[in-house]
Amino acid sequence: VRTVRSYVREGKLPAARIGKQYRITH
């Protein structure tokens, strides 16, 4: 999970922040 979060924070994996959690589209 930490690896995926770091991809999101680094901008490698686009994600939308909904509340306190990230959501990634298909």
PDB file of all heavy atoms in Angstrom:
ATOM      1  N   VAL A   1       0.835  -1.203   0.000  1.00  0.00           N
ATOM      2  CA  VAL A   1       0.000   0.000   0.000  1.00  0.00           C
ATOM      3  C   VAL A   1       0.873   1.257   0.000  1.00  0.00           C
ATOM      4  O   VAL A   1       0.578   2.234  -0.689  1.00  0.00           O
ATOM      5  CB  VAL A   1      -0.961  -0.006   1.218  1.00  0.00           C
ATOM      6  CG1 VAL A   1      -1.720   1.297   1.327  1.00  0.00           C
ATOM      7  CG2 VAL A   1      -1.931  -1.168   1.117  1.00  0.00           C
ATOM      8  N   ARG A   2       1.965   1.238   0.749  1.00  0.00           N
ATOM      9  CA  ARG A   2       2.855   2.414   0.794  1.00  0.00           C
ATOM     10  C   ARG A   2       3.447   2.718  -0.576  1.00  0.00           C
ATOM     11  O   ARG A   2       3.644   3.878  -0.921  1.00  0.00           O
ATOM     12  CB  ARG A   2       3.986   2.176   1.799  1.00  0.00           C
ATOM     13  CG  ARG A   2       3.520   2.202   3.220  1.00  0.00           C
ATOM     14  CD  ARG A   2       4.695   2.088   4.151  1.00  0.00           C
ATOM     15  NE  ARG A   2       4.259   1.582   5.422  1.00  0.00           N
ATOM     16  CZ  ARG A   2       5.021   0.977   6.300  1.00  0.00           C
ATOM     17  NH1 ARG A   2       6.290   0.787   6.045  1.00  0.00           N
ATOM     18  NH2 ARG A   2       4.542   0.557   7.443  1.00  0.00           N
ATOM     19  N   THR A   3       3.745   1.684  -1.335  1.00  0.00           N
ATOM     20  CA  THR A   3       4.295   1.880  -2.679  1.00  0.00           C
ATOM     21  C   THR A   3       3.282   2.592  -3.565  1.00  0.00           C
ATOM     22  O   THR A   3       3.622   3.552  -4.271  1.00  0.00           O
ATOM     23  CB  THR A   3       4.681   0.521  -3.305  1.00  0.00           C
ATOM     24  OG1 THR A   3       5.587  -0.149  -2.434  1.00  0.00           O
ATOM     25  CG2 THR A   3       5.309   0.697  -4.667  1.00  0.00           C
ATOM     26  N   VAL A   4       2.028   2.154  -3.513  1.00  0.00           N
ATOM     27  CA  VAL A   4       0.981   2.779  -4.323  1.00  0.00           C
ATOM     28  C   VAL A   4       0.788   4.228  -3.884  1.00  0.00           C
ATOM     29  O   VAL A   4       0.676   5.133  -4.719  1.00  0.00           O
ATOM     30  CB  VAL A   4      -0.344   1.990  -4.243  1.00  0.00           C
ATOM     31  CG1 VAL A   4      -1.454   2.704  -4.997  1.00  0.00           C
ATOM     32  CG2 VAL A   4      -0.156   0.573  -4.774  1.00  0.00           C
ATOM     33  N   ARG A   5       0.774   4.473  -2.580  1.00  0.00           N
ATOM     34  CA  ARG A   5       0.618   5.849  -2.095  1.00  0.00           C
ATOM     35  C   ARG A   5       1.765   6.740  -2.573  1.00  0.00           C
ATOM     36  O   ARG A   5       1.556   7.891  -2.929  1.00  0.00           O
ATOM     37  CB  ARG A   5       0.550   5.868  -0.563  1.00  0.00           C
ATOM     38  CG  ARG A   5      -0.799   5.518  -0.029  1.00  0.00           C
ATOM     39  CD  ARG A   5      -0.958   5.899   1.438  1.00  0.00           C
ATOM     40  NE  ARG A   5      -2.158   5.284   1.953  1.00  0.00           N
ATOM     41  CZ  ARG A   5      -2.184   4.313   2.842  1.00  0.00           C
ATOM     42  NH1 ARG A   5      -1.067   3.845   3.364  1.00  0.00           N
ATOM     43  NH2 ARG A   5      -3.330   3.800   3.247  1.00  0.00           N
ATOM     44  N   SER A   6       2.978   6.205  -2.571  1.00  0.00           N
ATOM     45  CA  SER A   6       4.113   7.013  -3.032  1.00  0.00           C
ATOM     46  C   SER A   6       3.995   7.308  -4.521  1.00  0.00           C
ATOM     47  O   SER A   6       4.326   8.404  -4.964  1.00  0.00           O
ATOM     48  CB  SER A   6       5.445   6.337  -2.699  1.00  0.00           C
ATOM     49  OG  SER A   6       5.653   5.200  -3.498  1.00  0.00           O
ATOM     50  N   TYR A   7       3.500   6.355  -5.335  1.00  0.00           N
ATOM     51  CA  TYR A   7       3.264   6.615  -6.760  1.00  0.00           C
ATOM     52  C   TYR A   7       2.265   7.755  -6.930  1.00  0.00           C
ATOM     53  O   TYR A   7       2.423   8.611  -7.798  1.00  0.00           O
ATOM     54  CB  TYR A   7       2.742   5.371  -7.475  1.00  0.00           C
ATOM     55  CG  TYR A   7       3.751   4.268  -7.674  1.00  0.00           C
ATOM     56  CD1 TYR A   7       3.332   2.951  -7.827  1.00  0.00           C
ATOM     57  CD2 TYR A   7       5.118   4.512  -7.717  1.00  0.00           C
ATOM     58  CE1 TYR A   7       4.241   1.918  -8.012  1.00  0.00           C
ATOM     59  CE2 TYR A   7       6.040   3.487  -7.912  1.00  0.00           C
ATOM     60  CZ  TYR A   7       5.600   2.192  -8.053  1.00  0.00           C
ATOM     61  OH  TYR A   7       6.498   1.183  -8.238  1.00  0.00           O
ATOM     62  N   VAL A   8       1.234   7.753  -6.101  1.00  0.00           N
ATOM     63  CA  VAL A   8       0.213   8.804  -6.182  1.00  0.00           C
ATOM     64  C   VAL A   8       0.824  10.148  -5.787  1.00  0.00           C
ATOM     65  O   VAL A   8       0.655  11.155  -6.486  1.00  0.00           O
ATOM     66  CB  VAL A   8      -1.002   8.459  -5.294  1.00  0.00           C
ATOM     67  CG1 VAL A   8      -1.944   9.651  -5.162  1.00  0.00           C
ATOM     68  CG2 VAL A   8      -1.745   7.242  -5.850  1.00  0.00           C
ATOM     69  N   ARG A   9       1.550  10.191  -4.666  1.00  0.00           N
ATOM     70  CA  ARG A   9       2.140  11.443  -4.195  1.00  0.00           C
ATOM     71  C   ARG A   9       3.164  12.005  -5.178  1.00  0.00           C
ATOM     72  O   ARG A   9       3.296  13.212  -5.329  1.00  0.00           O
ATOM     73  CB  ARG A   9       2.791  11.231  -2.829  1.00  0.00           C
ATOM     74  CG  ARG A   9       1.783  11.102  -1.720  1.00  0.00           C
ATOM     75  CD  ARG A   9       2.452  11.109  -0.356  1.00  0.00           C
ATOM     76  NE  ARG A   9       1.544  10.577   0.629  1.00  0.00           N
ATOM     77  CZ  ARG A   9       1.696   9.419   1.275  1.00  0.00           C
ATOM     78  NH1 ARG A   9       2.750   8.677   1.056  1.00  0.00           N
ATOM     79  NH2 ARG A   9       0.804   9.016   2.136  1.00  0.00           N
ATOM     80  N   GLU A  10       3.901  11.107  -5.837  1.00  0.00           N
ATOM     81  CA  GLU A  10       4.921  11.538  -6.801  1.00  0.00           C
ATOM     82  C   GLU A  10       4.316  11.912  -8.146  1.00  0.00           C
ATOM     83  O   GLU A  10       5.024  12.381  -9.042  1.00  0.00           O
ATOM     84  CB  GLU A  10       5.955  10.417  -6.999  1.00  0.00           C
ATOM     85  CG  GLU A  10       6.776  10.133  -5.765  1.00  0.00           C
ATOM     86  CD  GLU A  10       7.577   8.832  -5.860  1.00  0.00           C
ATOM     87  OE1 GLU A  10       7.557   8.167  -6.919  1.00  0.00           O
ATOM     88  OE2 GLU A  10       8.209   8.479  -4.851  1.00  0.00           O
ATOM     89  N   GLY A  11       3.010  11.683  -8.325  1.00  0.00           N
ATOM     90  CA  GLY A  11       2.341  12.021  -9.571  1.00  0.00           C
ATOM     91  C   GLY A  11       2.476  10.960 -10.650  1.00  0.00           C
ATOM     92  O   GLY A  11       2.054  11.167 -11.786  1.00  0.00           O
ATOM     93  N   LYS A  12       3.065   9.822 -10.322  1.00  0.00           N
ATOM     94  CA  LYS A  12       3.208   8.749 -11.299  1.00  0.00           C
ATOM     95  C   LYS A  12       1.883   8.069 -11.599  1.00  0.00           C
ATOM     96  O   LYS A  12       1.666   7.568 -12.691  1.00  0.00           O
ATOM     97  CB  LYS A  12       4.211   7.701 -10.800  1.00  0.00           C
ATOM     98  CG  LYS A  12       5.628   8.215 -10.677  1.00  0.00           C
ATOM     99  CD  LYS A  12       6.536   7.144 -10.131  1.00  0.00           C
ATOM    100  CE  LYS A  12       7.948   7.661  -9.953  1.00  0.00           C
ATOM    101  NZ  LYS A  12       8.824   6.640  -9.346  1.00  0.00           N
ATOM    102  N   LEU A  13       1.016   8.031 -10.593  1.00  0.00           N
ATOM    103  CA  LEU A  13      -0.302   7.410 -10.722  1.00  0.00           C
ATOM    104  C   LEU A  13      -1.354   8.469 -10.393  1.00  0.00           C
ATOM    105  O   LEU A  13      -1.467   8.885  -9.236  1.00  0.00           O
ATOM    106  CB  LEU A  13      -0.435   6.208  -9.781  1.00  0.00           C
ATOM    107  CG  LEU A  13      -1.772   5.489  -9.744  1.00  0.00           C
ATOM    108  CD1 LEU A  13      -2.155   4.948 -11.120  1.00  0.00           C
ATOM    109  CD2 LEU A  13      -1.725   4.342  -8.736  1.00  0.00           C
ATOM    110  N   PRO A  14      -2.102   8.937 -11.393  1.00  0.00           N
ATOM    111  CA  PRO A  14      -3.117   9.957 -11.115  1.00  0.00           C
ATOM    112  C   PRO A  14      -4.189   9.435 -10.162  1.00  0.00           C
ATOM    113  O   PRO A  14      -4.607   8.281 -10.251  1.00  0.00           O
ATOM    114  CB  PRO A  14      -3.722  10.244 -12.499  1.00  0.00           C
ATOM    115  CG  PRO A  14      -2.736   9.725 -13.483  1.00  0.00           C
ATOM    116  CD  PRO A  14      -2.032   8.585 -12.801  1.00  0.00           C
ATOM    117  N   ALA A  15      -4.611  10.305  -9.255  1.00  0.00           N
ATOM    118  CA  ALA A  15      -5.645   9.926  -8.289  1.00  0.00           C
ATOM    119  C   ALA A  15      -6.388  11.171  -7.857  1.00  0.00           C
ATOM    120  O   ALA A  15      -5.831  12.270  -7.845  1.00  0.00           O
ATOM    121  CB  ALA A  15      -5.023   9.225  -7.088  1.00  0.00           C
ATOM    122  N   ALA A  16      -7.629  10.989  -7.499  1.00  0.00           N
ATOM    123  CA  ALA A  16      -8.438  12.072  -6.949  1.00  0.00           C
ATOM    124  C   ALA A  16      -8.533  11.868  -5.448  1.00  0.00           C
ATOM    125  O   ALA A  16      -8.703  10.741  -4.976  1.00  0.00           O
ATOM    126  CB  ALA A  16      -9.827  12.052  -7.568  1.00  0.00           C
ATOM    127  N   ARG A  17      -8.404  12.945  -4.725  1.00  0.00           N
ATOM    128  CA  ARG A  17      -8.531  12.850  -3.272  1.00  0.00           C
ATOM    129  C   ARG A  17      -9.991  13.113  -2.913  1.00  0.00           C
ATOM    130  O   ARG A  17     -10.534  14.171  -3.204  1.00  0.00           O
ATOM    131  CB  ARG A  17      -7.618  13.854  -2.600  1.00  0.00           C
ATOM    132  CG  ARG A  17      -7.497  13.607  -1.130  1.00  0.00           C
ATOM    133  CD  ARG A  17      -6.363  14.445  -0.560  1.00  0.00           C
ATOM    134  NE  ARG A  17      -6.282  14.236   0.855  1.00  0.00           N
ATOM    135  CZ  ARG A  17      -5.306  13.585   1.456  1.00  0.00           C
ATOM    136  NH1 ARG A  17      -4.314  13.125   0.748  1.00  0.00           N
ATOM    137  NH2 ARG A  17      -5.311  13.423   2.746  1.00  0.00           N
ATOM    138  N   ILE A  18     -10.613  12.121  -2.293  1.00  0.00           N
ATOM    139  CA  ILE A  18     -11.997  12.243  -1.856  1.00  0.00           C
ATOM    140  C   ILE A  18     -11.970  12.110  -0.335  1.00  0.00           C
ATOM    141  O   ILE A  18     -11.677  11.038   0.199  1.00  0.00           O
ATOM    142  CB  ILE A  18     -12.891  11.160  -2.498  1.00  0.00           C
ATOM    143  CG1 ILE A  18     -12.850  11.307  -4.017  1.00  0.00           C
ATOM    144  CG2 ILE A  18     -14.307  11.264  -1.959  1.00  0.00           C
ATOM    145  CD1 ILE A  18     -13.578  10.222  -4.763  1.00  0.00           C
ATOM    146  N   GLY A  19     -12.242  13.208   0.344  1.00  0.00           N
ATOM    147  CA  GLY A  19     -12.096  13.205   1.791  1.00  0.00           C
ATOM    148  C   GLY A  19     -10.626  13.035   2.140  1.00  0.00           C
ATOM    149  O   GLY A  19      -9.777  13.770   1.654  1.00  0.00           O
ATOM    150  N   LYS A  20     -10.316  12.025   2.914  1.00  0.00           N
ATOM    151  CA  LYS A  20      -8.927  11.764   3.301  1.00  0.00           C
ATOM    152  C   LYS A  20      -8.312  10.625   2.509  1.00  0.00           C
ATOM    153  O   LYS A  20      -7.212  10.191   2.802  1.00  0.00           O
ATOM    154  CB  LYS A  20      -8.861  11.430   4.795  1.00  0.00           C
ATOM    155  CG  LYS A  20      -9.208  12.594   5.681  1.00  0.00           C
ATOM    156  CD  LYS A  20      -9.006  12.231   7.132  1.00  0.00           C
ATOM    157  CE  LYS A  20      -9.275  13.425   8.012  1.00  0.00           C
ATOM    158  NZ  LYS A  20      -8.968  13.166   9.405  1.00  0.00           N
ATOM    159  N   GLN A  21      -9.036  10.115   1.520  1.00  0.00           N
ATOM    160  CA  GLN A  21      -8.542   8.952   0.783  1.00  0.00           C
ATOM    161  C   GLN A  21      -8.410   9.258  -0.702  1.00  0.00           C
ATOM    162  O   GLN A  21      -9.129  10.086  -1.243  1.00  0.00           O
ATOM    163  CB  GLN A  21      -9.479   7.768   0.986  1.00  0.00           C
ATOM    164  CG  GLN A  21      -9.576   7.358   2.438  1.00  0.00           C
ATOM    165  CD  GLN A  21     -10.221   6.013   2.588  1.00  0.00           C
ATOM    166  OE1 GLN A  21     -10.594   5.381   1.612  1.00  0.00           O
ATOM    167  NE2 GLN A  21     -10.353   5.566   3.815  1.00  0.00           N
ATOM    168  N   TYR A  22      -7.470   8.560  -1.317  1.00  0.00           N
ATOM    169  CA  TYR A  22      -7.278   8.662  -2.754  1.00  0.00           C
ATOM    170  C   TYR A  22      -8.164   7.653  -3.465  1.00  0.00           C
ATOM    171  O   TYR A  22      -8.384   6.550  -2.969  1.00  0.00           O
ATOM    172  CB  TYR A  22      -5.824   8.373  -3.136  1.00  0.00           C
ATOM    173  CG  TYR A  22      -4.842   9.411  -2.664  1.00  0.00           C
ATOM    174  CD1 TYR A  22      -3.952   9.128  -1.639  1.00  0.00           C
ATOM    175  CD2 TYR A  22      -4.789  10.670  -3.261  1.00  0.00           C
ATOM    176  CE1 TYR A  22      -3.034  10.075  -1.211  1.00  0.00           C
ATOM    177  CE2 TYR A  22      -3.880  11.612  -2.837  1.00  0.00           C
ATOM    178  CZ  TYR A  22      -3.008  11.323  -1.814  1.00  0.00           C
ATOM    179  OH  TYR A  22      -2.107  12.256  -1.402  1.00  0.00           O
ATOM    180  N   ARG A  23      -8.632   8.022  -4.669  1.00  0.00           N
ATOM    181  CA  ARG A  23      -9.364   7.113  -5.536  1.00  0.00           C
ATOM    182  C   ARG A  23      -8.729   7.174  -6.919  1.00  0.00           C
ATOM    183  O   ARG A  23      -8.435   8.261  -7.440  1.00  0.00           O
ATOM    184  CB  ARG A  23     -10.844   7.485  -5.631  1.00  0.00           C
ATOM    185  CG  ARG A  23     -11.590   7.292  -4.323  1.00  0.00           C
ATOM    186  CD  ARG A  23     -11.731   5.815  -3.987  1.00  0.00           C
ATOM    187  NE  ARG A  23     -12.500   5.626  -2.792  1.00  0.00           N
ATOM    188  CZ  ARG A  23     -12.023   5.120  -1.667  1.00  0.00           C
ATOM    189  NH1 ARG A  23     -10.773   4.749  -1.590  1.00  0.00           N
ATOM    190  NH2 ARG A  23     -12.797   4.961  -0.620  1.00  0.00           N
ATOM    191  N   ILE A  24      -8.520   6.000  -7.509  1.00  0.00           N
ATOM    192  CA  ILE A  24      -7.878   5.884  -8.806  1.00  0.00           C
ATOM    193  C   ILE A  24      -8.901   5.337  -9.786  1.00  0.00           C
ATOM    194  O   ILE A  24      -9.555   4.329  -9.507  1.00  0.00           O
ATOM    195  CB  ILE A  24      -6.647   4.953  -8.723  1.00  0.00           C
ATOM    196  CG1 ILE A  24      -5.594   5.549  -7.788  1.00  0.00           C
ATOM    197  CG2 ILE A  24      -6.023   4.723 -10.083  1.00  0.00           C
ATOM    198  CD1 ILE A  24      -5.468   4.891  -6.477  1.00  0.00           C
ATOM    199  N   THR A  25      -9.017   5.989 -10.947  1.00  0.00           N
ATOM    200  CA  THR A  25      -9.980   5.513 -11.942  1.00  0.00           C
ATOM    201  C   THR A  25      -9.426   4.275 -12.645  1.00  0.00           C
ATOM    202  O   THR A  25      -8.206   4.051 -12.695  1.00  0.00           O
ATOM    203  CB  THR A  25     -10.282   6.590 -13.011  1.00  0.00           C
ATOM    204  OG1 THR A  25      -9.110   6.822 -13.776  1.00  0.00           O
ATOM    205  CG2 THR A  25     -10.804   7.864 -12.389  1.00  0.00           C
ATOM    206  N   HIS A  26     -10.321   3.506 -13.198  1.00  0.00           N
ATOM    207  CA  HIS A  26      -9.965   2.297 -13.929  1.00  0.00           C
ATOM    208  C   HIS A  26      -9.057   2.653 -15.113  1.00  0.00           C
ATOM    209  O   HIS A  26      -8.037   1.987 -15.350  1.00  0.00           O
ATOM    210  CB  HIS A  26     -11.244   1.597 -14.411  1.00  0.00           C
ATOM    211  CG  HIS A  26     -11.014   0.292 -15.076  1.00  0.00           C
ATOM    212  ND1 HIS A  26     -10.834  -0.873 -14.362  1.00  0.00           N
ATOM    213  CD2 HIS A  26     -10.917  -0.038 -16.387  1.00  0.00           C
ATOM    214  CE1 HIS A  26     -10.646  -1.872 -15.210  1.00  0.00           C
ATOM    215  NE2 HIS A  26     -10.689  -1.389 -16.455  1.00  0.00           N
TER     216      HIS A  26
END
